[in-house]
Amino acid sequence: MTPWSALLAGFSARQVSAREVQAEAFFLGNRHKGEIREGAERELLAPGLSPNRAALLRAVIRMTPRTTSRGARS
């Protein structure tokens, strides 16, 4: 993705459904050993991420509570 297209994509607001967030959280939990939010944050830093995927990962981060190092929710 070019810097220009990334800038334009940043201005568009993509609506993400609750089902999409739930499905992605399930897959992130499997890929990242139960660390859904942390996995989404790591994947958001990947180079060449599509704007739709980035919007989905941000939605997962917004909807998932933070965890402490022991796995307790804060």
PDB file of N, CA and C in Angstrom:
ATOM      1  N   MET A   1       0.845  -1.164   0.000  1.00  0.00           N
ATOM      2  CA  MET A   1       0.000   0.000   0.000  1.00  0.00           C
ATOM      3  C   MET A   1       0.897   1.236   0.000  1.00  0.00           C
ATOM      4  N   THR A   2       0.562   2.168  -0.849  1.00  0.00           N
ATOM      5  CA  THR A   2       1.346   3.397  -0.921  1.00  0.00           C
ATOM      6  C   THR A   2       0.944   4.326   0.220  1.00  0.00           C
ATOM      7  N   PRO A   3       1.815   5.251   0.568  1.00  0.00           N
ATOM      8  CA  PRO A   3       1.447   6.199   1.631  1.00  0.00           C
ATOM      9  C   PRO A   3       0.173   6.984   1.299  1.00  0.00           C
ATOM     10  N   TRP A   4       0.007   7.313   0.025  1.00  0.00           N
ATOM     11  CA  TRP A   4      -1.173   8.068  -0.380  1.00  0.00           C
ATOM     12  C   TRP A   4      -2.449   7.248  -0.170  1.00  0.00           C
ATOM     13  N   SER A   5      -2.440   5.983  -0.586  1.00  0.00           N
ATOM     14  CA  SER A   5      -3.641   5.155  -0.414  1.00  0.00           C
ATOM     15  C   SER A   5      -3.904   4.872   1.058  1.00  0.00           C
ATOM     16  N   ALA A   6      -2.838   4.758   1.858  1.00  0.00           N
ATOM     17  CA  ALA A   6      -3.014   4.572   3.294  1.00  0.00           C
ATOM     18  C   ALA A   6      -3.669   5.794   3.920  1.00  0.00           C
ATOM     19  N   LEU A   7      -3.269   6.974   3.474  1.00  0.00           N
ATOM     20  CA  LEU A   7      -3.871   8.208   3.974  1.00  0.00           C
ATOM     21  C   LEU A   7      -5.347   8.278   3.616  1.00  0.00           C
ATOM     22  N   LEU A   8      -5.672   7.968   2.373  1.00  0.00           N
ATOM     23  CA  LEU A   8      -7.073   7.983   1.953  1.00  0.00           C
ATOM     24  C   LEU A   8      -7.886   6.931   2.691  1.00  0.00           C
ATOM     25  N   ALA A   9      -7.319   5.767   2.903  1.00  0.00           N
ATOM     26  CA  ALA A   9      -8.027   4.706   3.616  1.00  0.00           C
ATOM     27  C   ALA A   9      -8.269   5.094   5.064  1.00  0.00           C
ATOM     28  N   GLY A  10      -7.366   5.892   5.626  1.00  0.00           N
ATOM     29  CA  GLY A  10      -7.524   6.324   7.006  1.00  0.00           C
ATOM     30  C   GLY A  10      -8.719   7.227   7.216  1.00  0.00           C
ATOM     31  N   PHE A  11      -9.148   7.920   6.162  1.00  0.00           N
ATOM     32  CA  PHE A  11     -10.293   8.811   6.271  1.00  0.00           C
ATOM     33  C   PHE A  11     -11.621   8.104   6.099  1.00  0.00           C
ATOM     34  N   SER A  12     -11.600   6.929   5.505  1.00  0.00           N
ATOM     35  CA  SER A  12     -12.864   6.219   5.311  1.00  0.00           C
ATOM     36  C   SER A  12     -13.191   5.415   6.564  1.00  0.00           C
ATOM     37  N   ALA A  13     -14.432   5.466   6.946  1.00  0.00           N
ATOM     38  CA  ALA A  13     -14.869   4.752   8.144  1.00  0.00           C
ATOM     39  C   ALA A  13     -15.549   3.461   7.719  1.00  0.00           C
ATOM     40  N   ARG A  14     -14.960   2.341   8.086  1.00  0.00           N
ATOM     41  CA  ARG A  14     -15.545   1.051   7.753  1.00  0.00           C
ATOM     42  C   ARG A  14     -16.340   0.569   8.955  1.00  0.00           C
ATOM     43  N   GLN A  15     -17.555   0.160   8.696  1.00  0.00           N
ATOM     44  CA  GLN A  15     -18.403  -0.390   9.748  1.00  0.00           C
ATOM     45  C   GLN A  15     -18.061  -1.862   9.915  1.00  0.00           C
ATOM     46  N   VAL A  16     -17.816  -2.278  11.138  1.00  0.00           N
ATOM     47  CA  VAL A  16     -17.497  -3.666  11.443  1.00  0.00           C
ATOM     48  C   VAL A  16     -18.623  -4.215  12.305  1.00  0.00           C
ATOM     49  N   SER A  17     -19.189  -5.333  11.892  1.00  0.00           N
ATOM     50  CA  SER A  17     -20.309  -5.909  12.636  1.00  0.00           C
ATOM     51  C   SER A  17     -19.811  -6.656  13.868  1.00  0.00           C
ATOM     52  N   ALA A  18     -20.711  -6.852  14.808  1.00  0.00           N
ATOM     53  CA  ALA A  18     -20.378  -7.592  16.025  1.00  0.00           C
ATOM     54  C   ALA A  18     -20.003  -9.031  15.700  1.00  0.00           C
ATOM     55  N   ARG A  19     -20.637  -9.613  14.698  1.00  0.00           N
ATOM     56  CA  ARG A  19     -20.296 -10.977  14.280  1.00  0.00           C
ATOM     57  C   ARG A  19     -18.874 -11.066  13.744  1.00  0.00           C
ATOM     58  N   GLU A  20     -18.481 -10.067  12.966  1.00  0.00           N
ATOM     59  CA  GLU A  20     -17.107 -10.057  12.448  1.00  0.00           C
ATOM     60  C   GLU A  20     -16.100  -9.981  13.595  1.00  0.00           C
ATOM     61  N   VAL A  21     -16.402  -9.146  14.582  1.00  0.00           N
ATOM     62  CA  VAL A  21     -15.515  -8.996  15.737  1.00  0.00           C
ATOM     63  C   VAL A  21     -15.433 -10.300  16.519  1.00  0.00           C
ATOM     64  N   GLN A  22     -16.573 -10.948  16.740  1.00  0.00           N
ATOM     65  CA  GLN A  22     -16.586 -12.213  17.471  1.00  0.00           C
ATOM     66  C   GLN A  22     -15.794 -13.290  16.740  1.00  0.00           C
ATOM     67  N   ALA A  23     -15.990 -13.381  15.437  1.00  0.00           N
ATOM     68  CA  ALA A  23     -15.277 -14.390  14.654  1.00  0.00           C
ATOM     69  C   ALA A  23     -13.777 -14.127  14.682  1.00  0.00           C
ATOM     70  N   GLU A  24     -13.391 -12.876  14.501  1.00  0.00           N
ATOM     71  CA  GLU A  24     -11.966 -12.548  14.515  1.00  0.00           C
ATOM     72  C   GLU A  24     -11.363 -12.777  15.885  1.00  0.00           C
ATOM     73  N   ALA A  25     -12.098 -12.457  16.947  1.00  0.00           N
ATOM     74  CA  ALA A  25     -11.605 -12.704  18.301  1.00  0.00           C
ATOM     75  C   ALA A  25     -11.372 -14.194  18.518  1.00  0.00           C
ATOM     76  N   PHE A  26     -12.260 -15.021  18.011  1.00  0.00           N
ATOM     77  CA  PHE A  26     -12.101 -16.470  18.121  1.00  0.00           C
ATOM     78  C   PHE A  26     -10.812 -16.918  17.433  1.00  0.00           C
ATOM     79  N   PHE A  27     -10.600 -16.464  16.205  1.00  0.00           N
ATOM     80  CA  PHE A  27      -9.398 -16.859  15.464  1.00  0.00           C
ATOM     81  C   PHE A  27      -8.130 -16.290  16.092  1.00  0.00           C
ATOM     82  N   LEU A  28      -8.194 -15.062  16.585  1.00  0.00           N
ATOM     83  CA  LEU A  28      -7.029 -14.474  17.260  1.00  0.00           C
ATOM     84  C   LEU A  28      -6.690 -15.255  18.523  1.00  0.00           C
ATOM     85  N   GLY A  29      -7.704 -15.667  19.257  1.00  0.00           N
ATOM     86  CA  GLY A  29      -7.480 -16.467  20.460  1.00  0.00           C
ATOM     87  C   GLY A  29      -6.774 -17.774  20.143  1.00  0.00           C
ATOM     88  N   ASN A  30      -7.149 -18.386  19.035  1.00  0.00           N
ATOM     89  CA  ASN A  30      -6.491 -19.626  18.627  1.00  0.00           C
ATOM     90  C   ASN A  30      -5.048 -19.379  18.188  1.00  0.00           C
ATOM     91  N   ARG A  31      -4.830 -18.321  17.430  1.00  0.00           N
ATOM     92  CA  ARG A  31      -3.483 -18.040  16.916  1.00  0.00           C
ATOM     93  C   ARG A  31      -2.536 -17.554  17.996  1.00  0.00           C
ATOM     94  N   HIS A  32      -3.057 -16.862  19.001  1.00  0.00           N
ATOM     95  CA  HIS A  32      -2.203 -16.215  20.002  1.00  0.00           C
ATOM     96  C   HIS A  32      -2.406 -16.789  21.404  1.00  0.00           C
ATOM     97  N   LYS A  33      -2.779 -18.059  21.489  1.00  0.00           N
ATOM     98  CA  LYS A  33      -2.871 -18.787  22.762  1.00  0.00           C
ATOM     99  C   LYS A  33      -3.756 -18.076  23.793  1.00  0.00           C
ATOM    100  N   GLY A  34      -4.917 -17.624  23.343  1.00  0.00           N
ATOM    101  CA  GLY A  34      -5.879 -17.003  24.243  1.00  0.00           C
ATOM    102  C   GLY A  34      -5.702 -15.513  24.458  1.00  0.00           C
ATOM    103  N   GLU A  35      -4.629 -14.952  23.967  1.00  0.00           N
ATOM    104  CA  GLU A  35      -4.366 -13.517  24.141  1.00  0.00           C
ATOM    105  C   GLU A  35      -4.959 -12.748  22.961  1.00  0.00           C
ATOM    106  N   ILE A  36      -6.260 -12.519  23.031  1.00  0.00           N
ATOM    107  CA  ILE A  36      -6.982 -11.932  21.910  1.00  0.00           C
ATOM    108  C   ILE A  36      -6.539 -10.497  21.649  1.00  0.00           C
ATOM    109  N   ARG A  37      -6.639  -9.660  22.663  1.00  0.00           N
ATOM    110  CA  ARG A  37      -6.299  -8.247  22.484  1.00  0.00           C
ATOM    111  C   ARG A  37      -4.832  -8.061  22.126  1.00  0.00           C
ATOM    112  N   GLU A  38      -3.956  -8.770  22.840  1.00  0.00           N
ATOM    113  CA  GLU A  38      -2.525  -8.654  22.591  1.00  0.00           C
ATOM    114  C   GLU A  38      -2.183  -9.144  21.184  1.00  0.00           C
ATOM    115  N   GLY A  39      -2.852 -10.207  20.759  1.00  0.00           N
ATOM    116  CA  GLY A  39      -2.642 -10.716  19.403  1.00  0.00           C
ATOM    117  C   GLY A  39      -3.091  -9.718  18.354  1.00  0.00           C
ATOM    118  N   ALA A  40      -4.237  -9.085  18.592  1.00  0.00           N
ATOM    119  CA  ALA A  40      -4.727  -8.071  17.654  1.00  0.00           C
ATOM    120  C   ALA A  40      -3.766  -6.890  17.588  1.00  0.00           C
ATOM    121  N   GLU A  41      -3.234  -6.487  18.743  1.00  0.00           N
ATOM    122  CA  GLU A  41      -2.274  -5.375  18.753  1.00  0.00           C
ATOM    123  C   GLU A  41      -1.010  -5.737  17.982  1.00  0.00           C
ATOM    124  N   ARG A  42      -0.533  -6.990  18.134  1.00  0.00           N
ATOM    125  CA  ARG A  42       0.659  -7.428  17.399  1.00  0.00           C
ATOM    126  C   ARG A  42       0.388  -7.480  15.903  1.00  0.00           C
ATOM    127  N   GLU A  43      -0.755  -8.022  15.525  1.00  0.00           N
ATOM    128  CA  GLU A  43      -1.078  -8.145  14.105  1.00  0.00           C
ATOM    129  C   GLU A  43      -1.330  -6.783  13.462  1.00  0.00           C
ATOM    130  N   LEU A  44      -1.778  -5.825  14.235  1.00  0.00           N
ATOM    131  CA  LEU A  44      -2.014  -4.478  13.707  1.00  0.00           C
ATOM    132  C   LEU A  44      -0.712  -3.813  13.281  1.00  0.00           C
ATOM    133  N   LEU A  45       0.399  -4.238  13.848  1.00  0.00           N
ATOM    134  CA  LEU A  45       1.704  -3.666  13.507  1.00  0.00           C
ATOM    135  C   LEU A  45       2.330  -4.289  12.261  1.00  0.00           C
ATOM    136  N   ALA A  46       1.704  -5.308  11.691  1.00  0.00           N
ATOM    137  CA  ALA A  46       2.259  -5.998  10.523  1.00  0.00           C
ATOM    138  C   ALA A  46       2.308  -5.062   9.317  1.00  0.00           C
ATOM    139  N   PRO A  47       3.402  -5.123   8.552  1.00  0.00           N
ATOM    140  CA  PRO A  47       3.492  -4.281   7.359  1.00  0.00           C
ATOM    141  C   PRO A  47       2.532  -4.772   6.268  1.00  0.00           C
ATOM    142  N   GLY A  48       2.029  -3.840   5.475  1.00  0.00           N
ATOM    143  CA  GLY A  48       1.170  -4.179   4.353  1.00  0.00           C
ATOM    144  C   GLY A  48      -0.236  -4.610   4.735  1.00  0.00           C
ATOM    145  N   LEU A  49      -0.674  -4.215   5.901  1.00  0.00           N
ATOM    146  CA  LEU A  49      -2.003  -4.579   6.387  1.00  0.00           C
ATOM    147  C   LEU A  49      -3.059  -3.806   5.602  1.00  0.00           C
ATOM    148  N   SER A  50      -4.099  -4.511   5.154  1.00  0.00           N
ATOM    149  CA  SER A  50      -5.158  -3.830   4.401  1.00  0.00           C
ATOM    150  C   SER A  50      -5.979  -2.949   5.344  1.00  0.00           C
ATOM    151  N   PRO A  51      -6.574  -1.896   4.834  1.00  0.00           N
ATOM    152  CA  PRO A  51      -7.392  -1.013   5.679  1.00  0.00           C
ATOM    153  C   PRO A  51      -8.572  -1.749   6.323  1.00  0.00           C
ATOM    154  N   ASN A  52      -9.179  -2.687   5.599  1.00  0.00           N
ATOM    155  CA  ASN A  52     -10.305  -3.440   6.168  1.00  0.00           C
ATOM    156  C   ASN A  52      -9.849  -4.311   7.332  1.00  0.00           C
ATOM    157  N   ARG A  53      -8.718  -4.957   7.170  1.00  0.00           N
ATOM    158  CA  ARG A  53      -8.178  -5.806   8.243  1.00  0.00           C
ATOM    159  C   ARG A  53      -7.800  -4.954   9.446  1.00  0.00           C
ATOM    160  N   ALA A  54      -7.201  -3.792   9.191  1.00  0.00           N
ATOM    161  CA  ALA A  54      -6.826  -2.889  10.278  1.00  0.00           C
ATOM    162  C   ALA A  54      -8.063  -2.420  11.044  1.00  0.00           C
ATOM    163  N   ALA A  55      -9.139  -2.100  10.319  1.00  0.00           N
ATOM    164  CA  ALA A  55     -10.382  -1.669  10.976  1.00  0.00           C
ATOM    165  C   ALA A  55     -10.952  -2.793  11.833  1.00  0.00           C
ATOM    166  N   LEU A  56     -10.883  -4.019  11.346  1.00  0.00           N
ATOM    167  CA  LEU A  56     -11.375  -5.163  12.105  1.00  0.00           C
ATOM    168  C   LEU A  56     -10.543  -5.379  13.360  1.00  0.00           C
ATOM    169  N   LEU A  57      -9.227  -5.314  13.245  1.00  0.00           N
ATOM    170  CA  LEU A  57      -8.361  -5.497  14.410  1.00  0.00           C
ATOM    171  C   LEU A  57      -8.573  -4.390  15.438  1.00  0.00           C
ATOM    172  N   ARG A  58      -8.765  -3.153  14.988  1.00  0.00           N
ATOM    173  CA  ARG A  58      -9.035  -2.048  15.919  1.00  0.00           C
ATOM    174  C   ARG A  58     -10.356  -2.262  16.652  1.00  0.00           C
ATOM    175  N   ALA A  59     -11.345  -2.794  15.938  1.00  0.00           N
ATOM    176  CA  ALA A  59     -12.634  -3.076  16.571  1.00  0.00           C
ATOM    177  C   ALA A  59     -12.484  -4.163  17.633  1.00  0.00           C
ATOM    178  N   VAL A  60     -11.685  -5.178  17.347  1.00  0.00           N
ATOM    179  CA  VAL A  60     -11.441  -6.229  18.334  1.00  0.00           C
ATOM    180  C   VAL A  60     -10.756  -5.634  19.562  1.00  0.00           C
ATOM    181  N   ILE A  61      -9.792  -4.760  19.346  1.00  0.00           N
ATOM    182  CA  ILE A  61      -9.076  -4.124  20.462  1.00  0.00           C
ATOM    183  C   ILE A  61     -10.039  -3.290  21.303  1.00  0.00           C
ATOM    184  N   ARG A  62     -10.929  -2.550  20.657  1.00  0.00           N
ATOM    185  CA  ARG A  62     -11.905  -1.727  21.389  1.00  0.00           C
ATOM    186  C   ARG A  62     -12.872  -2.586  22.203  1.00  0.00           C
ATOM    187  N   MET A  63     -13.243  -3.747  21.684  1.00  0.00           N
ATOM    188  CA  MET A  63     -14.269  -4.583  22.312  1.00  0.00           C
ATOM    189  C   MET A  63     -13.714  -5.571  23.332  1.00  0.00           C
ATOM    190  N   THR A  64     -12.397  -5.736  23.395  1.00  0.00           N
ATOM    191  CA  THR A  64     -11.802  -6.741  24.265  1.00  0.00           C
ATOM    192  C   THR A  64     -11.139  -6.068  25.456  1.00  0.00           C
ATOM    193  N   PRO A  65     -11.450  -6.509  26.666  1.00  0.00           N
ATOM    194  CA  PRO A  65     -10.821  -5.897  27.855  1.00  0.00           C
ATOM    195  C   PRO A  65      -9.335  -6.218  27.936  1.00  0.00           C
ATOM    196  N   ARG A  66      -8.602  -5.336  28.567  1.00  0.00           N
ATOM    197  CA  ARG A  66      -7.178  -5.587  28.799  1.00  0.00           C
ATOM    198  C   ARG A  66      -7.025  -6.702  29.811  1.00  0.00           C
ATOM    199  N   THR A  67      -5.922  -7.427  29.724  1.00  0.00           N
ATOM    200  CA  THR A  67      -5.629  -8.464  30.704  1.00  0.00           C
ATOM    201  C   THR A  67      -4.300  -8.143  31.379  1.00  0.00           C
ATOM    202  N   THR A  68      -4.129  -8.658  32.580  1.00  0.00           N
ATOM    203  CA  THR A  68      -2.856  -8.495  33.276  1.00  0.00           C
ATOM    204  C   THR A  68      -1.961  -9.673  32.913  1.00  0.00           C
ATOM    205  N   SER A  69      -0.768  -9.710  33.447  1.00  0.00           N
ATOM    206  CA  SER A  69       0.166 -10.777  33.113  1.00  0.00           C
ATOM    207  C   SER A  69      -0.321 -12.133  33.607  1.00  0.00           C
ATOM    208  N   ARG A  70      -1.194 -12.158  34.604  1.00  0.00           N
ATOM    209  CA  ARG A  70      -1.722 -13.427  35.111  1.00  0.00           C
ATOM    210  C   ARG A  70      -3.017 -13.840  34.413  1.00  0.00           C
ATOM    211  N   GLY A  71      -3.470 -13.032  33.484  1.00  0.00           N
ATOM    212  CA  GLY A  71      -4.688 -13.385  32.750  1.00  0.00           C
ATOM    213  C   GLY A  71      -5.959 -12.852  33.381  1.00  0.00           C
ATOM    214  N   ALA A  72      -5.863 -12.151  34.503  1.00  0.00           N
ATOM    215  CA  ALA A  72      -7.042 -11.566  35.133  1.00  0.00           C
ATOM    216  C   ALA A  72      -7.463 -10.318  34.362  1.00  0.00           C
ATOM    217  N   ARG A  73      -8.727 -10.136  34.223  1.00  0.00           N
ATOM    218  CA  ARG A  73      -9.210  -8.959  33.475  1.00  0.00           C
ATOM    219  C   ARG A  73      -9.202  -7.738  34.371  1.00  0.00           C
ATOM    220  N   SER A  74      -8.882  -6.618  33.770  1.00  0.00           N
ATOM    221  CA  SER A  74      -8.875  -5.385  34.553  1.00  0.00           C
ATOM    222  C   SER A  74     -10.025  -4.500  34.164  1.00  0.00           C
TER     223      SER A  74
END
